[in-house]
């Protein structure tokens, strides 16, 4: 059985902060990977733009959750 990460936190806000951090980190990883692949033609500019938007949204969410802490 998979552990429930929500149980490992004292509060819902702690859980939300962990999720927001993880999402921002993953969005950054995806964007960095796409930027490298764009140079070789594996990824087009539209995908890079889409992933930049995802990173921006993830960072906004992280800021929002941080303010709520």
Protein backbone atom coordinates (compact mmCIF):
# COMPACT_ATOMS: atom_id res chain seq x y z
CA UNK A 1 0.00 0.00 0.00
CA UNK A 2 1.31 3.44 -0.94
CA UNK A 3 1.87 5.87 1.96
CA UNK A 4 -0.42 8.87 2.13
CA UNK A 5 1.79 12.00 2.03
CA UNK A 6 -0.95 14.07 3.66
CA UNK A 7 -0.60 11.99 6.83
CA UNK A 8 3.10 12.92 7.13
CA UNK A 9 2.27 16.61 7.63
CA UNK A 10 1.03 18.34 10.72
CA UNK A 11 -1.24 20.68 8.75
CA UNK A 12 -2.95 20.89 5.41
CA UNK A 13 -0.92 24.02 4.65
CA UNK A 14 2.33 22.09 5.14
CA UNK A 15 1.09 19.51 2.68
CA UNK A 16 0.05 22.23 0.22
CA UNK A 17 3.49 23.82 0.50
CA UNK A 18 5.22 20.51 -0.21
CA UNK A 19 3.00 19.92 -3.23
CA UNK A 20 3.54 23.45 -4.54
CA UNK A 21 7.32 23.12 -4.15
CA UNK A 22 7.29 19.78 -5.91
CA UNK A 23 5.16 21.14 -8.75
CA UNK A 24 7.46 24.14 -9.25
CA UNK A 25 10.54 21.90 -9.22
CA UNK A 26 9.01 19.53 -11.78
CA UNK A 27 7.86 22.39 -14.02
CA UNK A 28 11.41 23.80 -13.95
CA UNK A 29 12.86 20.40 -14.81
CA UNK A 30 10.46 20.00 -17.73
CA UNK A 31 11.24 23.47 -19.06
CA UNK A 32 14.99 22.97 -18.75
CA UNK A 33 14.72 19.65 -20.59
CA UNK A 34 12.60 21.23 -23.34
CA UNK A 35 15.09 24.08 -23.78
CA UNK A 36 17.88 21.56 -24.38
CA UNK A 37 15.73 19.50 -26.75
CA UNK A 38 14.65 22.61 -28.66
CA UNK A 39 18.24 23.15 -29.74
CA UNK A 40 18.28 19.72 -31.38
CA UNK A 41 14.82 20.18 -32.91
CA UNK A 42 13.11 17.58 -30.72
CA UNK A 43 10.84 20.22 -29.11
CA UNK A 44 9.26 23.22 -30.83
CA UNK A 45 8.87 26.77 -29.57
CA UNK A 46 5.17 26.28 -28.81
CA UNK A 47 5.99 23.51 -26.33
CA UNK A 48 8.68 25.63 -24.67
CA UNK A 49 6.17 28.49 -24.34
CA UNK A 50 3.61 26.10 -22.87
CA UNK A 51 6.11 24.82 -20.32
CA UNK A 52 7.19 28.35 -19.43
CA UNK A 53 3.54 29.12 -18.69
CA UNK A 54 3.34 26.00 -16.53
CA UNK A 55 6.41 27.09 -14.57
CA UNK A 56 4.98 30.59 -14.12
CA UNK A 57 1.73 29.14 -12.81
CA UNK A 58 3.55 26.75 -10.47
CA UNK A 59 5.64 29.62 -9.10
CA UNK A 60 2.53 31.74 -8.56
CA UNK A 61 0.92 28.87 -6.67
CA UNK A 62 4.06 28.43 -4.56
CA UNK A 63 4.02 32.14 -3.67
CA UNK A 64 0.33 31.96 -2.77
CA UNK A 65 0.79 28.95 -0.52
CA UNK A 66 3.85 30.52 1.10
CA UNK A 67 1.85 33.64 1.95
CA UNK A 68 -0.86 31.48 3.55
CA UNK A 69 1.66 29.76 5.84
